[in-house]
């Protein structure tokens, strides 16, 4: 465990871009037989998009973000209340869940996400993020890893959040409008003439996710087309350049 933790810390220190962060957490999880993970950072304002670093199936994460499922996800709801790590899965069936929450769990199960271990992340503003290691079932190896490394996994989640926050939770202001880093990234590539499909390939996300971020940028600017949003970006850069 010491070697895994040291490699994890060294990896975080080496580079802070989302792709590298993804690789660092994926490598640490794989070394511990925790191959499925998700880091979700809650948006600072309602209506903004949550930020996600995950190796869950992209079809699920695209759908999750588009539908703003973080607002009803019982795992996230619990993480916003709890300060200590918790396990989840069949336990939720004994709780009073809304119809929307039950539907969400059913959908997640179709992608092999049926149980997990979640570390809530709280700071001076309150609950801000969660790191989850998930599985399709509670196998002995998964359960043993959680039981033996609970404290270290919590520490890893805190370190991961501290590095991810620098990259993901600091909004970029363009023409007086705060864009998320991913929204700005997609818009900058669009300004280079790239399509949503090309942006998806460049950023290792799906075309629909790239289009989702571009649509968010348009909405925030109050414009109808990507060209108008790109024009706002260009004007802002010219004013500050």
C-alpha atoms as a PDB file:
ATOM      1  CA  UNK A   1       0.000   0.000   0.000  1.00  0.00           C
ATOM      2  CA  UNK A   2       2.887   2.355   0.753  1.00  0.00           C
ATOM      3  CA  UNK A   3       4.208   2.033  -2.828  1.00  0.00           C
ATOM      4  CA  UNK A   4       0.755   2.629  -4.297  1.00  0.00           C
ATOM      5  CA  UNK A   5       0.215   5.717  -2.164  1.00  0.00           C
ATOM      6  CA  UNK A   6       3.667   7.123  -2.977  1.00  0.00           C
ATOM      7  CA  UNK A   7       3.135   6.605  -6.706  1.00  0.00           C
ATOM      8  CA  UNK A   8      -0.250   8.299  -6.389  1.00  0.00           C
ATOM      9  CA  UNK A   9       1.243  11.366  -4.637  1.00  0.00           C
ATOM     10  CA  UNK A  10       4.119  11.561  -7.121  1.00  0.00           C
ATOM     11  CA  UNK A  11       1.654  11.353 -10.007  1.00  0.00           C
ATOM     12  CA  UNK A  12      -0.473  14.172  -8.655  1.00  0.00           C
ATOM     13  CA  UNK A  13       2.580  16.373  -8.191  1.00  0.00           C
ATOM     14  CA  UNK A  14       3.823  15.724 -11.724  1.00  0.00           C
ATOM     15  CA  UNK A  15       0.924  17.266 -13.618  1.00  0.00           C
ATOM     16  CA  UNK A  16      -2.509  18.675 -12.841  1.00  0.00           C
ATOM     17  CA  UNK A  17      -4.391  18.467 -16.143  1.00  0.00           C
ATOM     18  CA  UNK A  18      -7.638  16.429 -16.117  1.00  0.00           C
ATOM     19  CA  UNK A  19      -6.286  13.644 -18.322  1.00  0.00           C
ATOM     20  CA  UNK A  20      -3.265  13.140 -16.061  1.00  0.00           C
ATOM     21  CA  UNK A  21      -5.432  13.255 -12.947  1.00  0.00           C
ATOM     22  CA  UNK A  22      -7.647  10.604 -14.516  1.00  0.00           C
ATOM     23  CA  UNK A  23      -4.637   8.378 -15.166  1.00  0.00           C
ATOM     24  CA  UNK A  24      -3.217   8.823 -11.664  1.00  0.00           C
ATOM     25  CA  UNK A  25      -6.457   7.806  -9.939  1.00  0.00           C
ATOM     26  CA  UNK A  26      -7.073   4.991 -12.429  1.00  0.00           C
ATOM     27  CA  UNK A  27      -3.596   3.553 -11.807  1.00  0.00           C
ATOM     28  CA  UNK A  28      -3.976   3.738  -8.029  1.00  0.00           C
ATOM     29  CA  UNK A  29      -7.410   2.142  -8.178  1.00  0.00           C
ATOM     30  CA  UNK A  30      -6.241  -0.655 -10.461  1.00  0.00           C
ATOM     31  CA  UNK A  31      -3.321  -1.404  -8.119  1.00  0.00           C
ATOM     32  CA  UNK A  32      -5.839  -1.879  -5.309  1.00  0.00           C
ATOM     33  CA  UNK A  33      -8.385  -3.854  -7.376  1.00  0.00           C
ATOM     34  CA  UNK A  34     -10.673  -0.812  -7.369  1.00  0.00           C
ATOM     35  CA  UNK A  35     -10.957  -0.368 -11.107  1.00  0.00           C
ATOM     36  CA  UNK A  36     -14.095   1.810 -11.291  1.00  0.00           C
ATOM     37  CA  UNK A  37     -13.952   5.354  -9.901  1.00  0.00           C
ATOM     38  CA  UNK A  38     -15.563   8.781 -10.099  1.00  0.00           C
ATOM     39  CA  UNK A  39     -14.591  12.188  -8.724  1.00  0.00           C
ATOM     40  CA  UNK A  40     -17.512  14.612  -8.847  1.00  0.00           C
ATOM     41  CA  UNK A  41     -17.111  18.282  -7.969  1.00  0.00           C
ATOM     42  CA  UNK A  42     -20.349  20.086  -7.237  1.00  0.00           C
ATOM     43  CA  UNK A  43     -21.034  23.303  -9.188  1.00  0.00           C
ATOM     44  CA  UNK A  44     -20.713  26.545  -7.177  1.00  0.00           C
ATOM     45  CA  UNK A  45     -24.095  27.730  -8.438  1.00  0.00           C
ATOM     46  CA  UNK A  46     -27.278  25.816  -9.185  1.00  0.00           C
ATOM     47  CA  UNK A  47     -27.689  25.478 -12.917  1.00  0.00           C
ATOM     48  CA  UNK A  48     -23.952  25.198 -13.576  1.00  0.00           C
ATOM     49  CA  UNK A  49     -22.556  21.851 -14.651  1.00  0.00           C
ATOM     50  CA  UNK A  50     -20.858  19.524 -12.200  1.00  0.00           C
ATOM     51  CA  UNK A  51     -17.287  18.534 -13.069  1.00  0.00           C
ATOM     52  CA  UNK A  52     -16.493  14.861 -13.355  1.00  0.00           C
ATOM     53  CA  UNK A  53     -13.289  12.825 -13.643  1.00  0.00           C
ATOM     54  CA  UNK A  54     -14.242   9.179 -14.022  1.00  0.00           C
ATOM     55  CA  UNK A  55     -13.709   5.926 -15.863  1.00  0.00           C
ATOM     56  CA  UNK A  56     -17.381   4.979 -15.706  1.00  0.00           C
ATOM     57  CA  UNK A  57     -18.831   4.171 -19.166  1.00  0.00           C
ATOM     58  CA  UNK A  58     -18.934   7.416 -21.132  1.00  0.00           C
ATOM     59  CA  UNK A  59     -22.542   6.797 -22.195  1.00  0.00           C
ATOM     60  CA  UNK A  60     -23.527   6.892 -18.529  1.00  0.00           C
ATOM     61  CA  UNK A  61     -21.438   9.909 -17.540  1.00  0.00           C
ATOM     62  CA  UNK A  62     -22.654  11.901 -20.561  1.00  0.00           C
ATOM     63  CA  UNK A  63     -26.251  11.144 -19.622  1.00  0.00           C
ATOM     64  CA  UNK A  64     -25.597  11.820 -15.915  1.00  0.00           C
ATOM     65  CA  UNK A  65     -24.156  15.278 -16.558  1.00  0.00           C
ATOM     66  CA  UNK A  66     -26.740  16.301 -19.152  1.00  0.00           C
ATOM     67  CA  UNK A  67     -29.579  15.389 -16.806  1.00  0.00           C
ATOM     68  CA  UNK A  68     -27.896  17.042 -13.768  1.00  0.00           C
ATOM     69  CA  UNK A  69     -28.299  13.764 -11.894  1.00  0.00           C
ATOM     70  CA  UNK A  70     -25.999  15.026  -9.141  1.00  0.00           C
ATOM     71  CA  UNK A  71     -29.085  16.833  -7.812  1.00  0.00           C
ATOM     72  CA  UNK A  72     -30.948  13.588  -7.101  1.00  0.00           C
ATOM     73  CA  UNK A  73     -28.227  10.928  -6.944  1.00  0.00           C
ATOM     74  CA  UNK A  74     -28.703   9.283  -3.508  1.00  0.00           C
ATOM     75  CA  UNK A  75     -24.935   8.707  -3.230  1.00  0.00           C
ATOM     76  CA  UNK A  76     -24.233  12.420  -3.730  1.00  0.00           C
ATOM     77  CA  UNK A  77     -27.170  13.394  -1.502  1.00  0.00           C
ATOM     78  CA  UNK A  78     -25.634  11.260   1.252  1.00  0.00           C
ATOM     79  CA  UNK A  79     -22.157  12.684   0.596  1.00  0.00           C
ATOM     80  CA  UNK A  80     -23.503  16.211   1.014  1.00  0.00           C
ATOM     81  CA  UNK A  81     -24.766  15.282   4.488  1.00  0.00           C
ATOM     82  CA  UNK A  82     -22.058  12.905   5.687  1.00  0.00           C
ATOM     83  CA  UNK A  83     -18.509  13.839   6.632  1.00  0.00           C
ATOM     84  CA  UNK A  84     -17.165  10.284   6.930  1.00  0.00           C
ATOM     85  CA  UNK A  85     -16.731   7.709   4.136  1.00  0.00           C
ATOM     86  CA  UNK A  86     -19.601   5.272   3.635  1.00  0.00           C
ATOM     87  CA  UNK A  87     -20.472   2.154   1.698  1.00  0.00           C
ATOM     88  CA  UNK A  88     -23.609   1.921  -0.395  1.00  0.00           C
ATOM     89  CA  UNK A  89     -25.528  -0.531  -2.528  1.00  0.00           C
ATOM     90  CA  UNK A  90     -28.336  -2.733  -1.324  1.00  0.00           C
ATOM     91  CA  UNK A  91     -28.545  -0.483   1.756  1.00  0.00           C
ATOM     92  CA  UNK A  92     -30.378   2.082  -0.340  1.00  0.00           C
ATOM     93  CA  UNK A  93     -33.322  -0.269  -0.851  1.00  0.00           C
ATOM     94  CA  UNK A  94     -34.123   0.115   2.854  1.00  0.00           C
ATOM     95  CA  UNK A  95     -34.243   3.899   2.581  1.00  0.00           C
ATOM     96  CA  UNK A  96     -37.027   6.103   1.405  1.00  0.00           C
ATOM     97  CA  UNK A  97     -35.951   7.035  -2.087  1.00  0.00           C
ATOM     98  CA  UNK A  98     -37.885   9.119  -4.553  1.00  0.00           C
ATOM     99  CA  UNK A  99     -39.071   7.679  -7.838  1.00  0.00           C
ATOM    100  CA  UNK A 100     -36.349   9.675  -9.626  1.00  0.00           C
ATOM    101  CA  UNK A 101     -33.671   8.265  -7.311  1.00  0.00           C
ATOM    102  CA  UNK A 102     -34.839   4.682  -7.831  1.00  0.00           C
ATOM    103  CA  UNK A 103     -34.820   5.232 -11.598  1.00  0.00           C
ATOM    104  CA  UNK A 104     -31.282   6.636 -11.404  1.00  0.00           C
ATOM    105  CA  UNK A 105     -30.013   3.601  -9.477  1.00  0.00           C
ATOM    106  CA  UNK A 106     -31.676   1.294 -11.992  1.00  0.00           C
ATOM    107  CA  UNK A 107     -30.002   3.135 -14.860  1.00  0.00           C
ATOM    108  CA  UNK A 108     -26.603   3.066 -13.141  1.00  0.00           C
ATOM    109  CA  UNK A 109     -26.959  -0.689 -12.557  1.00  0.00           C
ATOM    110  CA  UNK A 110     -27.319  -1.186 -16.304  1.00  0.00           C
ATOM    111  CA  UNK A 111     -23.766   0.148 -16.616  1.00  0.00           C
ATOM    112  CA  UNK A 112     -22.406  -2.096 -13.851  1.00  0.00           C
ATOM    113  CA  UNK A 113     -22.543   0.499 -11.067  1.00  0.00           C
ATOM    114  CA  UNK A 114     -24.404  -1.214  -8.239  1.00  0.00           C
ATOM    115  CA  UNK A 115     -22.391  -0.647  -5.065  1.00  0.00           C
ATOM    116  CA  UNK A 116     -19.446   1.337  -3.850  1.00  0.00           C
ATOM    117  CA  UNK A 117     -17.421   3.230  -1.306  1.00  0.00           C
ATOM    118  CA  UNK A 118     -17.719   7.019  -1.269  1.00  0.00           C
ATOM    119  CA  UNK A 119     -15.546   9.632   0.423  1.00  0.00           C
ATOM    120  CA  UNK A 120     -17.326  12.980   0.948  1.00  0.00           C
ATOM    121  CA  UNK A 121     -15.104  16.041   0.571  1.00  0.00           C
ATOM    122  CA  UNK A 122     -15.972  19.102   2.642  1.00  0.00           C
ATOM    123  CA  UNK A 123     -14.151  22.408   2.962  1.00  0.00           C
ATOM    124  CA  UNK A 124     -14.822  25.816   4.523  1.00  0.00           C
ATOM    125  CA  UNK A 125     -17.789  26.261   2.166  1.00  0.00           C
ATOM    126  CA  UNK A 126     -19.302  22.948   3.184  1.00  0.00           C
ATOM    127  CA  UNK A 127     -19.667  19.785   1.064  1.00  0.00           C
ATOM    128  CA  UNK A 128     -18.041  20.322  -2.314  1.00  0.00           C
ATOM    129  CA  UNK A 129     -17.109  16.970  -3.875  1.00  0.00           C
ATOM    130  CA  UNK A 130     -17.083  13.200  -3.570  1.00  0.00           C
ATOM    131  CA  UNK A 131     -14.747  10.416  -4.630  1.00  0.00           C
ATOM    132  CA  UNK A 132     -16.374   7.045  -5.267  1.00  0.00           C
ATOM    133  CA  UNK A 133     -14.959   3.597  -5.974  1.00  0.00           C
ATOM    134  CA  UNK A 134     -17.732   1.465  -7.447  1.00  0.00           C
ATOM    135  CA  UNK A 135     -18.326  -2.120  -8.531  1.00  0.00           C
ATOM    136  CA  UNK A 136     -21.015  -4.255 -10.117  1.00  0.00           C
ATOM    137  CA  UNK A 137     -21.162  -6.393  -6.983  1.00  0.00           C
ATOM    138  CA  UNK A 138     -19.568  -6.532  -3.532  1.00  0.00           C
ATOM    139  CA  UNK A 139     -16.881  -9.128  -4.225  1.00  0.00           C
ATOM    140  CA  UNK A 140     -14.576 -10.319  -1.410  1.00  0.00           C
ATOM    141  CA  UNK A 141     -11.544  -8.571  -2.950  1.00  0.00           C
ATOM    142  CA  UNK A 142     -13.436  -5.274  -3.197  1.00  0.00           C
ATOM    143  CA  UNK A 143     -14.770  -5.540   0.341  1.00  0.00           C
ATOM    144  CA  UNK A 144     -11.384  -6.531   1.739  1.00  0.00           C
ATOM    145  CA  UNK A 145      -9.652  -3.591   0.063  1.00  0.00           C
ATOM    146  CA  UNK A 146     -12.217  -1.139   1.471  1.00  0.00           C
ATOM    147  CA  UNK A 147     -11.935  -2.584   4.982  1.00  0.00           C
ATOM    148  CA  UNK A 148      -8.128  -2.659   5.008  1.00  0.00           C
ATOM    149  CA  UNK A 149      -7.496   0.697   3.331  1.00  0.00           C
ATOM    150  CA  UNK A 150     -10.443   2.838   4.401  1.00  0.00           C
ATOM    151  CA  UNK A 151      -8.309   5.545   6.030  1.00  0.00           C
ATOM    152  CA  UNK A 152      -5.766   5.673   3.206  1.00  0.00           C
ATOM    153  CA  UNK A 153      -8.513   5.879   0.573  1.00  0.00           C
ATOM    154  CA  UNK A 154      -9.984   8.834   2.446  1.00  0.00           C
ATOM    155  CA  UNK A 155      -6.587  10.526   2.477  1.00  0.00           C
ATOM    156  CA  UNK A 156      -6.131   9.832  -1.239  1.00  0.00           C
ATOM    157  CA  UNK A 157      -9.512  11.394  -1.947  1.00  0.00           C
ATOM    158  CA  UNK A 158      -8.531  14.547  -0.061  1.00  0.00           C
ATOM    159  CA  UNK A 159      -5.229  14.825  -1.926  1.00  0.00           C
ATOM    160  CA  UNK A 160      -6.950  14.211  -5.247  1.00  0.00           C
ATOM    161  CA  UNK A 161      -9.534  16.903  -4.570  1.00  0.00           C
ATOM    162  CA  UNK A 162      -6.847  19.412  -3.587  1.00  0.00           C
ATOM    163  CA  UNK A 163      -5.149  18.952  -6.962  1.00  0.00           C
ATOM    164  CA  UNK A 164      -8.337  18.677  -9.031  1.00  0.00           C
ATOM    165  CA  UNK A 165      -9.788  21.826  -7.471  1.00  0.00           C
ATOM    166  CA  UNK A 166      -6.972  23.918  -8.945  1.00  0.00           C
ATOM    167  CA  UNK A 167      -7.864  22.684 -12.407  1.00  0.00           C
ATOM    168  CA  UNK A 168     -11.609  22.217 -12.260  1.00  0.00           C
ATOM    169  CA  UNK A 169     -13.222  24.452  -9.683  1.00  0.00           C
ATOM    170  CA  UNK A 170     -11.641  27.781 -10.648  1.00  0.00           C
ATOM    171  CA  UNK A 171     -13.943  29.332 -13.213  1.00  0.00           C
ATOM    172  CA  UNK A 172     -12.641  31.412 -16.130  1.00  0.00           C
ATOM    173  CA  UNK A 173     -14.281  34.808 -16.654  1.00  0.00           C
ATOM    174  CA  UNK A 174     -14.930  35.800 -20.269  1.00  0.00           C
ATOM    175  CA  UNK A 175     -16.740  39.058 -20.979  1.00  0.00           C
ATOM    176  CA  UNK A 176     -17.969  39.093 -17.402  1.00  0.00           C
ATOM    177  CA  UNK A 177     -19.265  35.513 -17.627  1.00  0.00           C
ATOM    178  CA  UNK A 178     -17.780  32.693 -15.514  1.00  0.00           C
ATOM    179  CA  UNK A 179     -17.110  29.602 -17.606  1.00  0.00           C
ATOM    180  CA  UNK A 180     -15.971  26.280 -16.233  1.00  0.00           C
ATOM    181  CA  UNK A 181     -12.516  25.143 -17.400  1.00  0.00           C
ATOM    182  CA  UNK A 182     -14.081  22.505 -19.669  1.00  0.00           C
ATOM    183  CA  UNK A 183     -16.533  25.000 -21.190  1.00  0.00           C
ATOM    184  CA  UNK A 184     -13.663  27.370 -21.928  1.00  0.00           C
ATOM    185  CA  UNK A 185     -11.547  24.541 -23.325  1.00  0.00           C
ATOM    186  CA  UNK A 186     -14.287  23.471 -25.732  1.00  0.00           C
ATOM    187  CA  UNK A 187     -14.963  27.058 -26.767  1.00  0.00           C
ATOM    188  CA  UNK A 188     -11.272  27.697 -27.451  1.00  0.00           C
ATOM    189  CA  UNK A 189     -11.093  24.634 -29.688  1.00  0.00           C
ATOM    190  CA  UNK A 190     -14.276  25.754 -31.425  1.00  0.00           C
ATOM    191  CA  UNK A 191     -12.568  29.089 -32.095  1.00  0.00           C
ATOM    192  CA  UNK A 192      -9.863  27.051 -33.857  1.00  0.00           C
ATOM    193  CA  UNK A 193     -12.516  25.715 -36.210  1.00  0.00           C
ATOM    194  CA  UNK A 194     -12.939  22.317 -34.550  1.00  0.00           C
ATOM    195  CA  UNK A 195     -16.304  20.555 -34.595  1.00  0.00           C
ATOM    196  CA  UNK A 196     -17.857  19.003 -31.493  1.00  0.00           C
ATOM    197  CA  UNK A 197     -16.719  15.586 -32.763  1.00  0.00           C
ATOM    198  CA  UNK A 198     -13.132  16.807 -33.208  1.00  0.00           C
ATOM    199  CA  UNK A 199     -13.163  18.506 -29.794  1.00  0.00           C
ATOM    200  CA  UNK A 200     -14.345  15.258 -28.246  1.00  0.00           C
ATOM    201  CA  UNK A 201     -11.423  13.382 -29.796  1.00  0.00           C
ATOM    202  CA  UNK A 202      -8.938  16.043 -28.652  1.00  0.00           C
ATOM    203  CA  UNK A 203     -10.220  16.091 -25.057  1.00  0.00           C
ATOM    204  CA  UNK A 204     -11.002  12.370 -24.795  1.00  0.00           C
ATOM    205  CA  UNK A 205     -14.707  12.996 -24.265  1.00  0.00           C
ATOM    206  CA  UNK A 206     -17.700  12.154 -26.428  1.00  0.00           C
ATOM    207  CA  UNK A 207     -19.092  14.451 -29.125  1.00  0.00           C
ATOM    208  CA  UNK A 208     -22.275  14.851 -27.093  1.00  0.00           C
ATOM    209  CA  UNK A 209     -20.310  15.939 -24.012  1.00  0.00           C
ATOM    210  CA  UNK A 210     -18.350  18.500 -26.061  1.00  0.00           C
ATOM    211  CA  UNK A 211     -21.638  19.808 -27.478  1.00  0.00           C
ATOM    212  CA  UNK A 212     -23.070  19.892 -23.961  1.00  0.00           C
ATOM    213  CA  UNK A 213     -20.252  22.171 -22.746  1.00  0.00           C
ATOM    214  CA  UNK A 214     -20.577  24.397 -25.803  1.00  0.00           C
ATOM    215  CA  UNK A 215     -24.317  24.705 -25.239  1.00  0.00           C
ATOM    216  CA  UNK A 216     -23.651  25.691 -21.623  1.00  0.00           C
ATOM    217  CA  UNK A 217     -21.262  28.408 -22.813  1.00  0.00           C
ATOM    218  CA  UNK A 218     -23.880  29.726 -25.240  1.00  0.00           C
ATOM    219  CA  UNK A 219     -26.499  29.789 -22.513  1.00  0.00           C
ATOM    220  CA  UNK A 220     -24.222  31.657 -20.120  1.00  0.00           C
ATOM    221  CA  UNK A 221     -23.394  34.262 -22.769  1.00  0.00           C
ATOM    222  CA  UNK A 222     -27.056  34.593 -23.716  1.00  0.00           C
ATOM    223  CA  UNK A 223     -26.349  33.939 -27.397  1.00  0.00           C
ATOM    224  CA  UNK A 224     -27.892  31.547 -29.897  1.00  0.00           C
ATOM    225  CA  UNK A 225     -24.915  30.280 -31.893  1.00  0.00           C
ATOM    226  CA  UNK A 226     -21.409  28.981 -31.259  1.00  0.00           C
ATOM    227  CA  UNK A 227     -20.071  31.664 -33.611  1.00  0.00           C
ATOM    228  CA  UNK A 228     -21.533  34.340 -31.338  1.00  0.00           C
ATOM    229  CA  UNK A 229     -19.992  32.680 -28.280  1.00  0.00           C
ATOM    230  CA  UNK A 230     -16.620  32.460 -30.038  1.00  0.00           C
ATOM    231  CA  UNK A 231     -16.930  36.152 -30.915  1.00  0.00           C
ATOM    232  CA  UNK A 232     -17.420  36.940 -27.210  1.00  0.00           C
ATOM    233  CA  UNK A 233     -14.287  34.945 -26.429  1.00  0.00           C
ATOM    234  CA  UNK A 234     -12.264  36.696 -29.134  1.00  0.00           C
ATOM    235  CA  UNK A 235     -13.440  40.149 -27.998  1.00  0.00           C
ATOM    236  CA  UNK A 236     -12.538  39.343 -24.388  1.00  0.00           C
ATOM    237  CA  UNK A 237      -9.058  38.178 -25.372  1.00  0.00           C
ATOM    238  CA  UNK A 238      -8.531  41.288 -27.470  1.00  0.00           C
ATOM    239  CA  UNK A 239      -9.605  43.521 -24.584  1.00  0.00           C
ATOM    240  CA  UNK A 240      -7.196  41.850 -22.160  1.00  0.00           C
ATOM    241  CA  UNK A 241      -4.402  41.281 -24.634  1.00  0.00           C
END
